[in-house]
């Protein structure tokens, strides 16, 4: 059931937010420091533990896997939006550096794909 995935996601987010705020206070910063990262790691650990120790049925596991898979892209998209807003408001140098980093990343993809290890039969055109 998808509800278990949402419950696990919200539990991890609450724990991560609390831990990030606590870490920020310990460091003397009035902000959440690493709360999203803590919750992501916790979600990965708990979702991988679910199929080994909790003995959930297939429907419950699929809900947990669905929300585990959805969480990371949503957080990355939110962070990317904040980074773009900060870059645009900071000046052109930050925007140019961001565009160059993306261009280099796209250019490196063919090089990285050459190092793929796998069965050669999978790559043949039939």
Protein backbone atom coordinates (compact mmCIF):
# COMPACT_ATOMS: atom_id res chain seq x y z
CA UNK A 1 0.00 0.00 0.00
CA UNK A 2 1.25 3.45 -0.90
CA UNK A 3 0.25 4.71 2.55
CA UNK A 4 3.18 2.86 4.12
CA UNK A 5 5.54 4.60 1.73
CA UNK A 6 4.11 8.00 2.62
CA UNK A 7 4.34 7.18 6.33
CA UNK A 8 7.97 6.12 5.98
CA UNK A 9 8.75 9.21 3.93
CA UNK A 10 7.15 11.55 6.45
CA UNK A 11 8.89 9.80 9.36
CA UNK A 12 12.27 10.19 7.67
CA UNK A 13 11.57 13.83 6.80
CA UNK A 14 10.57 14.67 10.38
CA UNK A 15 13.64 12.96 11.84
CA UNK A 16 15.90 14.60 9.23
CA UNK A 17 14.44 18.05 9.87
CA UNK A 18 14.84 17.65 13.62
CA UNK A 19 18.41 16.36 13.27
CA UNK A 20 19.30 19.15 10.79
CA UNK A 21 17.95 21.84 13.11
CA UNK A 22 19.78 20.28 16.05
CA UNK A 23 23.00 20.15 14.05
CA UNK A 24 22.53 23.78 13.01
CA UNK A 25 22.06 24.83 16.63
CA UNK A 26 25.16 22.89 17.69
CA UNK A 27 27.17 24.67 14.98
CA UNK A 28 25.77 28.05 15.95
CA UNK A 29 23.84 28.51 12.71
CA UNK A 30 20.17 29.42 12.79
CA UNK A 31 19.31 27.04 9.94
CA UNK A 32 18.65 23.42 9.06
CA UNK A 33 22.07 21.93 8.29
CA UNK A 34 21.88 18.72 6.30
CA UNK A 35 18.36 17.75 7.35
CA UNK A 36 17.31 16.74 3.84
CA UNK A 37 20.46 14.66 3.38
CA UNK A 38 19.95 12.97 6.73
CA UNK A 39 16.37 12.13 5.83
CA UNK A 40 17.43 10.80 2.41
CA UNK A 41 20.03 8.49 3.95
CA UNK A 42 17.53 7.36 6.57
CA UNK A 43 14.92 6.69 3.88
CA UNK A 44 17.38 4.63 1.84
CA UNK A 45 18.40 2.59 4.88
CA UNK A 46 14.85 1.98 6.08
CA UNK A 47 13.44 1.18 2.65
CA UNK A 48 16.19 -1.38 2.05
CA UNK A 49 15.59 -2.86 5.50
CA UNK A 50 11.85 -3.19 4.85
CA UNK A 51 12.06 -6.17 2.52
CA UNK A 52 14.57 -8.05 4.68
CA UNK A 53 13.32 -7.66 8.23
CA UNK A 54 9.76 -6.37 8.16
CA UNK A 55 8.30 -9.09 5.90
CA UNK A 56 5.83 -6.78 4.16
CA UNK A 57 3.54 -7.95 1.40
CA UNK A 58 4.30 -7.02 -2.21
CA UNK A 59 1.79 -4.15 -2.31
CA UNK A 60 3.30 -2.50 0.78
CA UNK A 61 6.83 -2.89 -0.56
CA UNK A 62 5.82 -1.33 -3.86
CA UNK A 63 4.43 1.71 -2.02
CA UNK A 64 7.65 2.11 -0.07
CA UNK A 65 9.76 1.75 -3.22
CA UNK A 66 7.55 4.22 -5.08
CA UNK A 67 7.93 6.99 -2.52
CA UNK A 68 11.61 6.20 -2.03
CA UNK A 69 12.11 6.65 -5.75
CA UNK A 70 10.02 9.85 -5.85
CA UNK A 71 11.68 11.57 -2.89
CA UNK A 72 15.16 12.07 -4.30
CA UNK A 73 14.11 13.68 -7.63
CA UNK A 74 11.69 15.98 -5.84
CA UNK A 75 14.36 17.16 -3.40
CA UNK A 76 16.90 17.60 -6.20
CA UNK A 77 14.39 19.66 -8.20
CA UNK A 78 13.62 21.86 -5.18
CA UNK A 79 17.32 22.39 -4.47
CA UNK A 80 18.02 23.12 -8.14
CA UNK A 81 15.30 25.77 -8.16
CA UNK A 82 16.80 27.44 -5.11
CA UNK A 83 20.28 27.28 -6.65
CA UNK A 84 19.05 28.88 -9.89
CA UNK A 85 17.31 31.68 -8.02
CA UNK A 86 20.44 32.30 -5.93
CA UNK A 87 22.67 32.20 -9.03
CA UNK A 88 20.55 34.60 -11.06
CA UNK A 89 20.35 37.06 -8.19
CA UNK A 90 24.12 36.80 -7.55
CA UNK A 91 25.22 37.93 -11.00
CA UNK A 92 26.29 36.68 -14.38
CA UNK A 93 29.43 34.87 -13.25
CA UNK A 94 27.40 32.37 -11.23
CA UNK A 95 25.03 31.81 -14.17
CA UNK A 96 27.91 31.27 -16.61
CA UNK A 97 29.61 28.84 -14.19
CA UNK A 98 26.35 26.87 -13.85
CA UNK A 99 25.81 26.70 -17.62
CA UNK A 100 29.40 25.58 -18.17
CA UNK A 101 29.11 22.88 -15.50
CA UNK A 102 25.98 21.50 -17.18
CA UNK A 103 27.59 21.63 -20.64
CA UNK A 104 30.68 19.78 -19.42
CA UNK A 105 28.49 17.17 -17.71
CA UNK A 106 26.58 16.54 -20.93
CA UNK A 107 29.84 16.34 -22.90
CA UNK A 108 31.29 13.73 -20.53
CA UNK A 109 28.29 11.36 -20.79
CA UNK A 110 29.57 9.61 -23.98
CA UNK A 111 32.97 9.10 -22.34
CA UNK A 112 31.45 7.58 -19.25
CA UNK A 113 29.17 5.31 -21.28
CA UNK A 114 32.23 3.70 -22.88
CA UNK A 115 33.22 2.29 -19.49
CA UNK A 116 29.94 0.43 -19.09
CA UNK A 117 30.44 -3.16 -18.06
CA UNK A 118 27.81 -5.54 -19.33
CA UNK A 119 26.88 -8.26 -21.69
CA UNK A 120 27.79 -7.44 -25.28
CA UNK A 121 24.66 -9.23 -26.52
CA UNK A 122 22.52 -6.56 -24.86
CA UNK A 123 23.99 -3.89 -27.14
CA UNK A 124 23.47 -5.67 -30.46
CA UNK A 125 20.78 -4.41 -32.80
CA UNK A 126 18.45 -7.18 -33.91
